[in-house]
N, C-alpha and C. Protein backbone atom coordinates (compact mmCIF):
# COMPACT_ATOMS: atom_id res chain seq x y z
N MET A 1 -111.35 128.38 -11.46
CA MET A 1 -111.67 129.50 -10.60
C MET A 1 -112.56 129.02 -9.47
N SER A 2 -112.28 129.54 -8.32
CA SER A 2 -113.01 129.13 -7.09
C SER A 2 -114.39 129.57 -7.08
N LYS A 3 -115.32 128.73 -6.62
CA LYS A 3 -116.77 129.21 -6.46
C LYS A 3 -117.06 129.83 -5.14
N ILE A 4 -116.20 129.58 -4.23
CA ILE A 4 -116.35 130.08 -2.83
C ILE A 4 -115.86 131.51 -2.75
N LYS A 5 -116.71 132.36 -2.22
CA LYS A 5 -116.29 133.76 -1.93
C LYS A 5 -116.60 134.04 -0.43
N ILE A 6 -115.54 134.56 0.21
CA ILE A 6 -115.60 134.79 1.67
C ILE A 6 -115.40 136.34 1.88
N ASN A 7 -116.37 136.81 2.68
CA ASN A 7 -116.28 138.27 3.07
C ASN A 7 -115.60 138.40 4.44
N LYS A 8 -114.73 139.43 4.53
CA LYS A 8 -114.06 139.73 5.79
C LYS A 8 -114.22 141.25 6.18
N LEU A 9 -114.68 141.48 7.37
CA LEU A 9 -114.75 142.84 7.85
C LEU A 9 -114.02 142.88 9.17
N THR A 10 -112.85 143.43 9.17
CA THR A 10 -111.99 143.24 10.41
C THR A 10 -111.56 144.52 11.05
N ASN A 11 -111.93 145.61 10.48
CA ASN A 11 -111.49 146.91 11.18
C ASN A 11 -112.41 148.00 10.68
N ALA A 12 -112.46 149.15 11.42
CA ALA A 12 -113.35 150.20 11.08
C ALA A 12 -112.85 151.55 11.78
N ASN A 13 -113.45 152.56 11.38
CA ASN A 13 -113.25 153.87 11.97
C ASN A 13 -114.53 154.49 12.46
N VAL A 14 -114.52 155.17 13.56
CA VAL A 14 -115.76 155.76 14.15
C VAL A 14 -115.67 157.25 14.01
N TYR A 15 -116.83 157.81 13.63
CA TYR A 15 -117.06 159.28 13.66
C TYR A 15 -118.15 159.58 14.60
N LEU A 16 -117.99 160.58 15.45
CA LEU A 16 -119.06 161.07 16.33
C LEU A 16 -119.45 162.52 16.04
N ASN A 17 -120.55 162.72 15.62
CA ASN A 17 -121.04 164.07 15.14
C ASN A 17 -120.07 164.67 14.14
N GLY A 18 -119.50 163.90 13.28
CA GLY A 18 -118.59 164.43 12.26
C GLY A 18 -117.20 164.43 12.59
N ILE A 19 -116.82 164.16 13.94
CA ILE A 19 -115.46 164.18 14.44
C ILE A 19 -114.84 162.80 14.14
N ASN A 20 -113.74 162.82 13.44
CA ASN A 20 -112.97 161.58 13.11
C ASN A 20 -112.31 161.09 14.41
N LEU A 21 -112.66 159.87 14.81
CA LEU A 21 -112.03 159.34 16.08
C LEU A 21 -111.16 158.14 15.76
N LEU A 22 -110.40 158.17 14.70
CA LEU A 22 -109.47 157.07 14.25
C LEU A 22 -108.67 156.63 15.45
N GLY A 23 -108.69 155.33 15.66
CA GLY A 23 -107.86 154.73 16.72
C GLY A 23 -108.33 154.97 18.10
N ARG A 24 -109.51 155.52 18.35
CA ARG A 24 -109.94 155.77 19.76
C ARG A 24 -110.93 154.78 20.20
N ALA A 25 -111.76 154.17 19.29
CA ALA A 25 -112.80 153.21 19.73
C ALA A 25 -112.09 151.75 19.68
N GLU A 26 -112.29 151.02 20.72
CA GLU A 26 -111.81 149.67 20.69
C GLU A 26 -112.70 148.66 20.17
N GLU A 27 -113.96 148.90 20.34
CA GLU A 27 -115.03 148.01 19.88
C GLU A 27 -116.34 148.72 19.73
N VAL A 28 -117.05 148.37 18.58
CA VAL A 28 -118.42 148.87 18.39
C VAL A 28 -119.40 147.80 18.30
N GLN A 29 -120.42 147.86 19.03
CA GLN A 29 -121.49 146.89 18.88
C GLN A 29 -122.70 147.58 18.22
N LEU A 30 -122.89 147.40 16.96
CA LEU A 30 -123.97 148.02 16.24
C LEU A 30 -125.32 147.52 16.67
N PRO A 31 -126.40 148.19 16.43
CA PRO A 31 -127.76 147.71 16.83
C PRO A 31 -128.03 146.35 16.15
N GLN A 32 -128.70 145.57 16.99
CA GLN A 32 -129.21 144.32 16.51
C GLN A 32 -130.69 144.50 16.23
N ILE A 33 -131.11 144.15 14.93
CA ILE A 33 -132.41 144.39 14.56
C ILE A 33 -133.27 143.16 14.99
N LYS A 34 -134.22 143.43 15.87
CA LYS A 34 -135.00 142.33 16.43
C LYS A 34 -136.46 142.64 16.05
N HIS A 35 -137.15 141.72 15.29
CA HIS A 35 -138.51 141.81 14.95
C HIS A 35 -139.33 141.46 16.10
N LYS A 36 -140.30 142.27 16.43
CA LYS A 36 -141.32 141.85 17.46
C LYS A 36 -142.35 141.03 16.84
N LEU A 37 -142.79 139.89 17.33
CA LEU A 37 -143.71 139.05 16.81
C LEU A 37 -144.84 138.85 17.78
N ALA A 38 -146.08 139.00 17.33
CA ALA A 38 -147.22 138.87 18.18
C ALA A 38 -147.81 137.40 17.94
N GLU A 39 -148.13 136.77 19.01
CA GLU A 39 -148.62 135.46 18.95
C GLU A 39 -150.11 135.48 18.55
N HIS A 40 -150.51 134.60 17.66
CA HIS A 40 -151.91 134.48 17.26
C HIS A 40 -152.35 133.00 17.50
N LYS A 41 -153.36 132.80 18.24
CA LYS A 41 -153.92 131.46 18.46
C LYS A 41 -155.47 131.62 18.49
N ALA A 42 -156.11 130.60 17.92
CA ALA A 42 -157.61 130.73 17.80
C ALA A 42 -158.16 129.32 17.77
N LEU A 43 -159.46 129.28 18.06
CA LEU A 43 -160.17 128.04 17.99
C LEU A 43 -160.04 127.41 16.64
N GLY A 44 -159.80 126.12 16.54
CA GLY A 44 -159.75 125.50 15.30
C GLY A 44 -158.41 125.34 14.75
N MET A 45 -157.43 126.12 15.24
CA MET A 45 -156.04 126.05 14.84
C MET A 45 -155.34 124.93 15.58
N VAL A 46 -154.53 124.17 14.97
CA VAL A 46 -153.85 123.05 15.57
C VAL A 46 -152.68 123.59 16.48
N GLY A 47 -152.24 124.81 16.23
CA GLY A 47 -151.19 125.39 16.96
C GLY A 47 -151.27 126.90 16.95
N SER A 48 -150.24 127.57 17.32
CA SER A 48 -150.28 129.03 17.27
C SER A 48 -149.18 129.49 16.36
N ALA A 49 -149.31 130.74 15.93
CA ALA A 49 -148.31 131.33 14.98
C ALA A 49 -147.92 132.76 15.49
N GLU A 50 -146.89 133.23 15.04
CA GLU A 50 -146.38 134.54 15.32
C GLU A 50 -146.25 135.39 14.11
N PHE A 51 -146.68 136.68 14.13
CA PHE A 51 -146.65 137.54 13.04
C PHE A 51 -145.99 138.84 13.37
N PHE A 52 -145.38 139.47 12.49
CA PHE A 52 -144.65 140.75 12.64
C PHE A 52 -145.52 141.78 13.28
N SER A 53 -145.03 142.48 14.36
CA SER A 53 -145.82 143.57 14.91
C SER A 53 -144.95 144.75 15.16
N GLY A 54 -143.74 144.83 14.69
CA GLY A 54 -142.94 145.95 14.93
C GLY A 54 -141.45 145.60 15.13
N ILE A 55 -140.68 146.63 15.52
CA ILE A 55 -139.16 146.44 15.72
C ILE A 55 -138.94 146.77 17.24
N ASP A 56 -138.20 145.86 17.84
CA ASP A 56 -137.76 146.06 19.22
C ASP A 56 -136.78 147.27 19.33
N LYS A 57 -136.66 147.84 20.56
CA LYS A 57 -135.79 148.98 20.73
C LYS A 57 -134.36 148.63 20.18
N LEU A 58 -133.65 149.69 19.68
CA LEU A 58 -132.34 149.55 19.15
C LEU A 58 -131.29 150.07 20.09
N GLU A 59 -130.11 149.46 20.21
CA GLU A 59 -129.06 150.01 21.07
C GLU A 59 -127.74 149.76 20.42
N CYS A 60 -126.87 150.69 20.66
CA CYS A 60 -125.47 150.67 20.11
C CYS A 60 -124.51 150.82 21.39
N LYS A 61 -123.47 150.10 21.41
CA LYS A 61 -122.42 150.20 22.37
C LYS A 61 -121.12 150.43 21.76
N ILE A 62 -120.38 151.30 22.42
CA ILE A 62 -118.95 151.63 21.95
C ILE A 62 -118.01 151.58 23.17
N LYS A 63 -116.98 150.80 22.98
CA LYS A 63 -115.95 150.70 24.07
C LYS A 63 -114.79 151.56 23.57
N TRP A 64 -114.54 152.65 24.34
CA TRP A 64 -113.38 153.49 24.08
C TRP A 64 -112.08 153.05 24.73
N ASN A 65 -110.91 153.37 24.12
CA ASN A 65 -109.69 152.96 24.65
C ASN A 65 -109.02 153.94 25.58
N ALA A 66 -109.74 155.08 25.79
CA ALA A 66 -109.20 156.09 26.71
C ALA A 66 -110.28 157.09 26.95
N LEU A 67 -110.03 158.13 27.82
CA LEU A 67 -110.96 159.10 28.10
C LEU A 67 -110.74 160.20 27.01
N TYR A 68 -111.89 160.49 26.29
CA TYR A 68 -111.82 161.58 25.27
C TYR A 68 -112.91 162.61 25.63
N PRO A 69 -112.48 163.83 25.89
CA PRO A 69 -113.49 164.84 26.38
C PRO A 69 -114.62 165.03 25.35
N GLU A 70 -114.42 164.98 24.07
CA GLU A 70 -115.50 165.19 23.12
C GLU A 70 -116.50 164.14 23.20
N VAL A 71 -116.06 162.84 23.50
CA VAL A 71 -116.98 161.77 23.72
C VAL A 71 -117.85 161.95 24.97
N LEU A 72 -117.17 162.25 26.08
CA LEU A 72 -117.75 162.50 27.36
C LEU A 72 -118.83 163.62 27.22
N LEU A 73 -118.47 164.72 26.56
CA LEU A 73 -119.34 165.82 26.46
C LEU A 73 -120.64 165.49 25.58
N ALA A 74 -120.42 164.73 24.59
CA ALA A 74 -121.54 164.24 23.75
C ALA A 74 -122.54 163.29 24.47
N SER A 75 -121.82 162.39 25.26
CA SER A 75 -122.57 161.32 25.95
C SER A 75 -123.24 161.86 27.28
N ALA A 76 -122.78 162.92 27.70
CA ALA A 76 -123.36 163.44 29.00
C ALA A 76 -124.67 164.19 28.91
N THR A 77 -125.12 164.56 27.74
CA THR A 77 -126.32 165.27 27.59
C THR A 77 -127.46 164.33 27.06
N PRO A 78 -128.52 164.18 27.85
CA PRO A 78 -129.66 163.29 27.47
C PRO A 78 -130.66 163.91 26.54
N PHE A 79 -130.50 165.22 26.16
CA PHE A 79 -131.45 165.93 25.35
C PHE A 79 -131.10 166.11 23.96
N THR A 80 -129.88 165.67 23.59
CA THR A 80 -129.41 165.88 22.23
C THR A 80 -128.94 164.54 21.64
N ALA A 81 -129.50 164.23 20.45
CA ALA A 81 -129.15 163.03 19.77
C ALA A 81 -127.71 163.23 19.20
N SER A 82 -127.03 162.17 19.06
CA SER A 82 -125.70 162.16 18.43
C SER A 82 -125.66 161.28 17.18
N MET A 83 -124.84 161.61 16.30
CA MET A 83 -124.71 160.85 15.05
C MET A 83 -123.42 160.06 15.06
N ILE A 84 -123.56 158.82 14.89
CA ILE A 84 -122.29 157.94 14.83
C ILE A 84 -122.29 157.38 13.46
N GLN A 85 -121.04 157.34 12.89
CA GLN A 85 -120.81 156.74 11.61
C GLN A 85 -119.71 155.74 11.78
N VAL A 86 -119.84 154.48 11.40
CA VAL A 86 -118.83 153.50 11.50
C VAL A 86 -118.50 153.13 9.99
N ARG A 87 -117.31 153.45 9.65
CA ARG A 87 -116.85 153.22 8.24
C ARG A 87 -115.80 152.05 8.23
N ALA A 88 -116.11 151.05 7.37
CA ALA A 88 -115.30 149.88 7.23
C ALA A 88 -114.96 149.63 5.81
N SER A 89 -113.94 148.66 5.63
CA SER A 89 -113.63 148.17 4.27
C SER A 89 -114.06 146.68 4.23
N LEU A 90 -115.03 146.32 3.41
CA LEU A 90 -115.42 144.92 3.33
C LEU A 90 -114.62 144.24 2.21
N GLU A 91 -113.82 143.24 2.58
CA GLU A 91 -112.98 142.53 1.63
C GLU A 91 -113.55 141.20 1.19
N THR A 92 -113.49 140.90 -0.03
CA THR A 92 -113.94 139.60 -0.53
C THR A 92 -112.76 138.73 -0.99
N TYR A 93 -112.65 137.49 -0.60
CA TYR A 93 -111.61 136.64 -0.96
C TYR A 93 -112.17 135.36 -1.70
N ASN A 94 -111.37 134.80 -2.51
CA ASN A 94 -111.63 133.49 -3.11
C ASN A 94 -110.27 132.74 -3.10
N GLY A 95 -110.13 131.68 -3.84
CA GLY A 95 -108.99 130.82 -3.82
C GLY A 95 -107.73 131.63 -4.46
N THR A 96 -107.93 132.66 -5.11
CA THR A 96 -106.76 133.41 -5.65
C THR A 96 -106.30 134.54 -4.83
N GLY A 97 -107.04 134.78 -3.65
CA GLY A 97 -106.74 135.88 -2.76
C GLY A 97 -107.87 136.98 -2.70
N ARG A 98 -107.47 138.16 -2.36
CA ARG A 98 -108.47 139.19 -2.28
C ARG A 98 -108.92 139.65 -3.71
N ILE A 99 -110.19 139.61 -3.96
CA ILE A 99 -110.72 139.91 -5.24
C ILE A 99 -111.48 141.21 -5.25
N GLU A 100 -111.88 141.71 -4.12
CA GLU A 100 -112.68 142.94 -4.07
C GLU A 100 -112.56 143.59 -2.71
N GLU A 101 -112.68 144.90 -2.68
CA GLU A 101 -112.62 145.68 -1.51
C GLU A 101 -113.60 146.87 -1.63
N VAL A 102 -114.73 146.88 -0.83
CA VAL A 102 -115.69 147.97 -1.07
C VAL A 102 -115.98 148.58 0.31
N PRO A 103 -116.51 149.81 0.32
CA PRO A 103 -116.85 150.49 1.57
C PRO A 103 -118.08 149.89 2.14
N ALA A 104 -118.17 149.80 3.44
CA ALA A 104 -119.34 149.45 4.25
C ALA A 104 -119.44 150.44 5.32
N THR A 105 -120.65 151.15 5.41
CA THR A 105 -120.81 152.17 6.30
C THR A 105 -122.14 152.07 7.11
N ALA A 106 -122.08 152.15 8.43
CA ALA A 106 -123.28 152.14 9.26
C ALA A 106 -123.50 153.58 9.75
N PHE A 107 -124.71 154.05 9.61
CA PHE A 107 -125.07 155.37 10.07
C PHE A 107 -126.11 155.14 11.27
N ILE A 108 -125.82 155.82 12.40
CA ILE A 108 -126.59 155.63 13.64
C ILE A 108 -126.94 156.98 14.20
N ILE A 109 -128.17 157.13 14.64
CA ILE A 109 -128.57 158.35 15.34
C ILE A 109 -129.19 157.88 16.62
N GLY A 110 -128.85 158.49 17.80
CA GLY A 110 -129.45 158.12 18.94
C GLY A 110 -129.03 159.01 20.12
N THR A 111 -129.54 158.69 21.28
CA THR A 111 -129.17 159.46 22.51
C THR A 111 -128.42 158.49 23.46
N PHE A 112 -127.38 159.05 24.01
CA PHE A 112 -126.54 158.24 24.88
C PHE A 112 -127.33 157.90 26.20
N LYS A 113 -127.38 156.71 26.63
CA LYS A 113 -128.04 156.25 27.80
C LYS A 113 -127.19 156.41 29.06
N GLU A 114 -125.92 156.35 28.93
CA GLU A 114 -125.06 156.42 30.07
C GLU A 114 -123.75 156.97 29.55
N PHE A 115 -122.97 157.58 30.45
CA PHE A 115 -121.62 158.02 30.13
C PHE A 115 -120.65 157.57 31.15
N PRO A 116 -119.53 157.16 30.81
CA PRO A 116 -118.58 156.60 31.71
C PRO A 116 -117.64 157.53 32.35
N LEU A 117 -117.35 157.27 33.59
CA LEU A 117 -116.22 157.98 34.21
C LEU A 117 -114.95 157.09 34.17
N GLY A 118 -115.17 155.84 33.75
CA GLY A 118 -114.07 154.91 33.53
C GLY A 118 -113.86 153.92 34.59
N THR A 119 -113.20 152.91 34.17
CA THR A 119 -112.65 151.83 35.08
C THR A 119 -111.11 151.91 35.04
N ILE A 120 -110.53 152.21 36.18
CA ILE A 120 -109.10 152.37 36.17
C ILE A 120 -108.45 151.27 36.97
N LYS A 121 -107.47 150.67 36.32
CA LYS A 121 -106.74 149.56 37.11
C LYS A 121 -105.23 149.87 37.05
N PRO A 122 -104.49 149.38 38.00
CA PRO A 122 -103.06 149.60 37.97
C PRO A 122 -102.34 148.97 36.69
N HIS A 123 -101.62 149.82 36.06
CA HIS A 123 -100.75 149.29 34.88
C HIS A 123 -101.58 148.82 33.70
N GLU A 124 -102.81 149.28 33.64
CA GLU A 124 -103.65 148.91 32.48
C GLU A 124 -104.31 150.14 31.99
N ASN A 125 -104.72 150.16 30.71
CA ASN A 125 -105.39 151.22 30.12
C ASN A 125 -106.78 151.34 30.71
N ALA A 126 -107.32 152.46 30.99
CA ALA A 126 -108.60 152.67 31.53
C ALA A 126 -109.66 152.23 30.48
N GLU A 127 -110.82 151.80 30.96
CA GLU A 127 -111.87 151.34 30.06
C GLU A 127 -113.03 152.27 30.21
N TYR A 128 -113.64 152.60 28.93
CA TYR A 128 -114.83 153.49 28.92
C TYR A 128 -115.81 152.91 27.84
N GLU A 129 -117.04 152.64 28.32
CA GLU A 129 -117.97 152.18 27.37
C GLU A 129 -119.29 153.01 27.50
N THR A 130 -119.74 153.42 26.31
CA THR A 130 -120.99 154.18 26.25
C THR A 130 -122.07 153.28 25.67
N SER A 131 -123.28 153.50 25.99
CA SER A 131 -124.41 152.84 25.32
C SER A 131 -125.38 153.91 24.84
N MET A 132 -126.03 153.64 23.73
CA MET A 132 -126.85 154.62 23.04
C MET A 132 -128.20 153.96 22.76
N SER A 133 -129.28 154.65 22.95
CA SER A 133 -130.63 154.34 22.53
C SER A 133 -130.79 154.81 21.09
N VAL A 134 -130.91 153.93 20.15
CA VAL A 134 -130.86 154.32 18.70
C VAL A 134 -132.33 154.44 18.12
N THR A 135 -132.48 155.56 17.38
CA THR A 135 -133.68 155.80 16.72
C THR A 135 -133.59 155.64 15.20
N TYR A 136 -132.34 155.72 14.67
CA TYR A 136 -132.18 155.60 13.25
C TYR A 136 -130.94 154.72 12.97
N ALA A 137 -131.05 153.75 12.05
CA ALA A 137 -129.94 152.98 11.72
C ALA A 137 -129.95 152.65 10.22
N LYS A 138 -128.83 152.74 9.50
CA LYS A 138 -128.81 152.48 8.06
C LYS A 138 -127.49 151.81 7.81
N LEU A 139 -127.52 150.82 6.94
CA LEU A 139 -126.27 150.14 6.50
C LEU A 139 -126.13 150.18 5.06
N VAL A 140 -124.99 150.75 4.54
CA VAL A 140 -124.73 150.93 3.11
C VAL A 140 -123.47 150.17 2.71
N VAL A 141 -123.53 149.31 1.76
CA VAL A 141 -122.31 148.53 1.29
C VAL A 141 -122.12 148.86 -0.14
N ASP A 142 -120.98 149.36 -0.45
CA ASP A 142 -120.57 149.68 -1.87
C ASP A 142 -121.61 150.62 -2.51
N GLY A 143 -122.16 151.54 -1.76
CA GLY A 143 -123.04 152.57 -2.21
C GLY A 143 -124.52 152.09 -2.32
N VAL A 144 -124.77 150.90 -1.94
CA VAL A 144 -126.09 150.25 -1.98
C VAL A 144 -126.69 150.14 -0.61
N PRO A 145 -127.76 150.86 -0.33
CA PRO A 145 -128.43 150.73 1.02
C PRO A 145 -129.04 149.28 1.25
N LEU A 146 -128.52 148.63 2.27
CA LEU A 146 -129.08 147.32 2.53
C LEU A 146 -130.36 147.38 3.43
N PHE A 147 -130.27 148.19 4.41
CA PHE A 147 -131.51 148.51 5.18
C PHE A 147 -131.44 149.86 5.77
N GLU A 148 -132.64 150.31 6.18
CA GLU A 148 -132.73 151.66 6.79
C GLU A 148 -133.94 151.63 7.69
N ILE A 149 -133.76 152.03 8.89
CA ILE A 149 -134.78 152.02 9.96
C ILE A 149 -134.74 153.35 10.69
N ASP A 150 -135.92 154.06 10.71
CA ASP A 150 -136.07 155.26 11.52
C ASP A 150 -137.38 155.11 12.23
N VAL A 151 -137.33 154.83 13.50
CA VAL A 151 -138.49 154.49 14.27
C VAL A 151 -139.38 155.72 14.52
N LEU A 152 -138.75 156.89 14.46
CA LEU A 152 -139.59 158.14 14.67
C LEU A 152 -140.28 158.63 13.41
N GLU A 153 -139.81 158.13 12.29
CA GLU A 153 -140.44 158.59 10.95
C GLU A 153 -141.15 157.39 10.27
N ASN A 154 -141.30 156.22 10.96
CA ASN A 154 -141.91 155.11 10.37
C ASN A 154 -141.18 154.64 9.05
N ILE A 155 -139.94 154.56 9.03
CA ILE A 155 -139.26 154.15 7.94
C ILE A 155 -138.61 152.74 8.22
N TYR A 156 -138.90 151.81 7.31
CA TYR A 156 -138.18 150.51 7.41
C TYR A 156 -138.09 149.98 6.04
N LYS A 157 -136.85 150.16 5.49
CA LYS A 157 -136.52 149.75 4.15
C LYS A 157 -135.53 148.62 4.15
N VAL A 158 -135.75 147.65 3.30
CA VAL A 158 -134.76 146.56 3.10
C VAL A 158 -134.54 146.56 1.60
N GLY A 159 -133.23 146.65 1.27
CA GLY A 159 -132.85 146.59 -0.14
C GLY A 159 -133.52 147.73 -0.91
N GLY A 160 -133.77 148.87 -0.31
CA GLY A 160 -134.39 149.97 -0.96
C GLY A 160 -135.95 149.88 -1.06
N ILE A 161 -136.54 148.79 -0.64
CA ILE A 161 -138.00 148.60 -0.74
C ILE A 161 -138.59 148.97 0.61
N ASP A 162 -139.53 149.86 0.62
CA ASP A 162 -140.26 150.26 1.84
C ASP A 162 -141.12 149.20 2.32
N MET A 163 -140.90 148.63 3.49
CA MET A 163 -141.68 147.44 4.00
C MET A 163 -143.02 147.94 4.63
N LEU A 164 -143.09 149.36 4.84
CA LEU A 164 -144.36 149.90 5.43
C LEU A 164 -145.19 150.71 4.54
N THR A 165 -145.01 150.56 3.19
CA THR A 165 -145.80 151.38 2.20
C THR A 165 -147.30 151.24 2.47
N LYS A 166 -147.89 150.07 2.51
CA LYS A 166 -149.28 149.90 2.66
C LYS A 166 -149.75 150.24 4.08
N TYR A 167 -148.92 149.94 5.03
CA TYR A 167 -149.29 150.28 6.42
C TYR A 167 -149.42 151.74 6.58
N LYS A 168 -148.40 152.55 6.08
CA LYS A 168 -148.52 153.98 6.15
C LYS A 168 -149.76 154.60 5.42
N LYS A 169 -150.01 153.92 4.32
CA LYS A 169 -151.20 154.40 3.51
C LYS A 169 -152.49 154.08 4.32
N ASN A 170 -152.52 152.91 4.89
CA ASN A 170 -153.73 152.46 5.68
C ASN A 170 -154.00 153.37 6.91
N ILE A 171 -152.93 153.91 7.57
CA ILE A 171 -153.15 154.65 8.69
C ILE A 171 -153.21 156.10 8.42
N GLY A 172 -153.07 156.56 7.11
CA GLY A 172 -153.17 157.89 6.70
C GLY A 172 -151.90 158.72 6.94
N ALA A 173 -150.79 158.09 6.99
CA ALA A 173 -149.48 158.72 7.25
C ALA A 173 -148.91 159.29 6.00
């Protein structure tokens, strides 16, 4: 039996505010979680170090393969957050072939930063890309939450463990 296991995630479906947009999104760039690190240097230290000080702003981009009025309407309002759900099937392979297939779902809440009127070229499909300022992101694989971040509610969980428990207690939250 092979010891090597390879995961493949090669396709997905996008939902916008509960509307199934199967086949309409060409590409989704989910938020990249970047830790902010504050530099610390002091007399007597041979060097400097960096320590966690928060999470950088989150952003999501979606490239659409055509003009969809429901997407344009949702992205045109800067005062209402939208909910994005990206549902995929995570496949695991080894030397015998595919051995497992489980759901992988990203949940995103944010406000669209821009909305496209499109790029139109002769004899080519028009291109539409939206970008969203994200305040909530969660990734669940096979029913298990891997991480959850809600910048407005001070939630930062990794593997179900609250990374901010003591911090929230210390500030009286």
